[in-house]
C-alpha cells in the first residue's frame, strides 16, 4: 500500500502539476482559516498588542472579565490554586460571552490564613477597595489608549 499520491508516482511533468495543486490547496486552506477568525489571537489583555487591541476593542468586544483569587498556602498544591481556577473559567467563557480577560487580582479575604508566614491577608474592606481601584485603573488605561489610537 502506497501513501504517495498517484500524480507523484507518474512522469516528472505530472509531479509538477501535482505539487502546484497541493500548493493551491494549502493557500486556499490558509486563506479560509484566516477568514474564519472570529476573535482576537488571545483573550488575555496582558498578551495582546496595542494594534490588535485597537482592532477588537471596543468595536467588536466591549466586556472585560476580571478573575479574582486568593494567593495562599494549600499544602502540597500551588499557592495560586485559587487563582488558577478563576483564570481557567474566564478563559473558557470569554469567547462565549465575547469578552477580554483582565490580569488576575491575586488577593482575597481568608482570615484563617493569618497564621502562615508571608501571607498578608487583607480585610474585606481593603480587598474590595483594591478591586475597585484595579477596575478603575483598567478603565482609565483603556480610555487613554483609545484616545491615543484615535478611537
Protein backbone atom coordinates (compact mmCIF):
# COMPACT_ATOMS: atom_id res chain seq x y z
CA UNK A 1 0.00 0.00 0.00
CA UNK A 2 1.45 3.35 -1.02
CA UNK A 3 0.77 6.66 0.73
CA UNK A 4 2.21 8.63 -2.18
CA UNK A 5 -0.46 10.28 -4.37
CA UNK A 6 -0.63 8.78 -7.85
CA UNK A 7 0.40 12.06 -9.51
CA UNK A 8 3.74 11.91 -7.66
CA UNK A 9 4.41 8.40 -8.92
CA UNK A 10 4.00 9.35 -12.57
CA UNK A 11 6.22 11.20 -15.05
CA UNK A 12 8.04 14.39 -14.00
CA UNK A 13 5.52 16.65 -15.79
CA UNK A 14 2.66 15.29 -13.68
CA UNK A 15 4.72 15.69 -10.50
CA UNK A 16 4.99 19.44 -11.11
CA UNK A 17 1.26 19.84 -11.68
CA UNK A 18 0.56 17.71 -8.62
CA UNK A 19 2.80 19.92 -6.46
CA UNK A 20 1.09 23.05 -7.82
CA UNK A 21 -2.26 21.52 -6.88
CA UNK A 22 -1.03 20.84 -3.34
CA UNK A 23 0.27 24.41 -3.03
CA UNK A 24 -3.04 25.79 -4.28
CA UNK A 25 -4.95 23.69 -1.76
CA UNK A 26 -2.64 24.85 1.05
CA UNK A 27 -3.14 28.50 0.08
CA UNK A 28 -6.91 28.07 -0.01
CA UNK A 29 -6.91 26.36 3.41
CA UNK A 30 -4.71 29.09 4.91
CA UNK A 31 -6.92 31.84 3.47
CA UNK A 32 -10.10 30.22 4.74
CA UNK A 33 -8.57 29.77 8.20
CA UNK A 34 -7.64 33.46 8.30
CA UNK A 35 -11.11 34.47 7.12
CA UNK A 36 -12.70 32.25 9.76
CA UNK A 37 -11.05 34.14 12.65
CA UNK A 38 -13.90 35.11 14.92
CA UNK A 39 -11.89 36.64 17.74
CA UNK A 40 -8.53 38.05 18.70
CA UNK A 41 -5.46 35.82 18.88
CA UNK A 42 -5.88 35.75 22.66
CA UNK A 43 -8.49 36.98 25.13
CA UNK A 44 -5.83 37.81 27.77
CA UNK A 45 -5.34 41.59 27.83
CA UNK A 46 -1.73 41.28 29.02
CA UNK A 47 -0.84 39.15 26.00
CA UNK A 48 -2.42 41.23 23.24
CA UNK A 49 -0.59 44.02 21.43
CA UNK A 50 -1.99 47.52 21.02
CA UNK A 51 -2.75 47.09 17.30
CA UNK A 52 -4.91 44.03 17.83
CA UNK A 53 -6.45 45.69 20.86
CA UNK A 54 -7.45 48.67 18.69
CA UNK A 55 -8.96 46.33 16.10
CA UNK A 56 -11.16 44.47 18.59
CA UNK A 57 -11.89 46.85 21.50
CA UNK A 58 -14.44 48.47 21.70
CA UNK A 59 -15.71 47.97 18.15
CA UNK A 60 -16.17 44.21 18.48
CA UNK A 61 -15.58 43.47 22.19
CA UNK A 62 -16.86 45.66 25.00
CA UNK A 63 -16.73 43.33 28.01
CA UNK A 64 -13.80 42.54 30.31
CA UNK A 65 -13.75 39.67 32.82
CA UNK A 66 -11.71 40.27 35.98
CA UNK A 67 -10.58 36.98 37.58
CA UNK A 68 -10.20 37.21 41.36
CA UNK A 69 -8.41 34.69 43.56
CA UNK A 70 -6.52 34.40 46.79
CA UNK A 71 -2.83 33.58 46.88
CA UNK A 72 -2.46 31.39 49.95
CA UNK A 73 -0.84 28.19 51.16
CA UNK A 74 -2.55 24.98 50.07
CA UNK A 75 -0.25 22.31 51.41
CA UNK A 76 1.17 20.30 48.52
CA UNK A 77 -0.68 22.14 45.76
CA UNK A 78 0.27 25.50 44.30
CA UNK A 79 -0.14 28.62 46.42
CA UNK A 80 -2.03 30.11 43.48
CA UNK A 81 -4.62 27.33 43.23
CA UNK A 82 -7.37 29.84 43.94
CA UNK A 83 -6.09 31.91 41.03
CA UNK A 84 -5.72 29.08 38.53
CA UNK A 85 -9.41 28.12 38.62
CA UNK A 86 -10.87 31.63 38.06
CA UNK A 87 -8.46 32.25 35.19
CA UNK A 88 -9.38 28.89 33.61
CA UNK A 89 -13.08 29.68 33.98
CA UNK A 90 -12.60 33.14 32.46
CA UNK A 91 -10.68 31.65 29.52
CA UNK A 92 -13.42 29.07 28.98
CA UNK A 93 -16.29 31.55 28.94
CA UNK A 94 -14.63 34.62 27.37
CA UNK A 95 -15.21 33.52 23.75
CA UNK A 96 -18.82 32.59 24.55
CA UNK A 97 -19.63 35.98 26.04
CA UNK A 98 -17.32 37.87 23.67
CA UNK A 99 -15.10 39.27 26.42
CA UNK A 100 -11.46 40.03 27.08
CA UNK A 101 -9.78 38.89 30.31
CA UNK A 102 -8.04 41.37 32.59
CA UNK A 103 -4.95 40.30 34.53
CA UNK A 104 -5.91 38.43 37.69
CA UNK A 105 -6.11 40.24 41.02
CA UNK A 106 -4.18 37.78 43.24
CA UNK A 107 -5.66 38.78 46.57
CA UNK A 108 -8.57 37.71 48.65
CA UNK A 109 -10.07 37.55 52.10
CA UNK A 110 -9.11 34.44 54.06
CA UNK A 111 -8.73 35.16 57.77
CA UNK A 112 -7.85 31.56 58.58
CA UNK A 113 -4.52 32.02 56.78
CA UNK A 114 -3.31 34.85 59.03
CA UNK A 115 -1.05 32.47 60.98
CA UNK A 116 1.00 31.49 57.90
CA UNK A 117 4.21 33.47 57.24
CA UNK A 118 4.48 35.76 54.19
CA UNK A 119 0.73 35.73 53.54
CA UNK A 120 -0.71 39.08 54.47
CA UNK A 121 -4.44 38.61 54.03
CA UNK A 122 -6.41 41.76 53.76
CA UNK A 123 -9.61 42.70 55.42
CA UNK A 124 -12.71 42.66 53.22
CA UNK A 125 -12.96 46.45 53.07
CA UNK A 126 -9.34 46.77 51.92
CA UNK A 127 -9.77 43.95 49.42
CA UNK A 128 -12.82 45.41 47.72
CA UNK A 129 -11.19 48.86 47.68
CA UNK A 130 -8.25 47.27 45.84
CA UNK A 131 -10.55 45.52 43.35
CA UNK A 132 -12.45 48.77 42.77
CA UNK A 133 -9.15 50.61 42.26
CA UNK A 134 -7.94 47.91 39.83
CA UNK A 135 -11.12 48.17 37.73
CA UNK A 136 -11.00 51.99 37.75
CA UNK A 137 -7.35 51.98 36.64
CA UNK A 138 -8.11 49.43 33.94
CA UNK A 139 -10.90 51.60 32.56
CA UNK A 140 -8.66 54.69 32.71
CA UNK A 141 -5.87 52.88 30.87
CA UNK A 142 -8.22 51.60 28.18
CA UNK A 143 -9.77 55.03 27.65
CA UNK A 144 -6.31 56.61 27.46
CA UNK A 145 -5.23 54.02 24.89
CA UNK A 146 -8.38 54.64 22.87
CA UNK A 147 -7.63 58.35 22.83
CA UNK A 148 -4.05 57.71 21.69
CA UNK A 149 -5.32 55.38 18.98
CA UNK A 150 -7.91 57.94 17.87
CA UNK A 151 -10.89 55.81 18.86
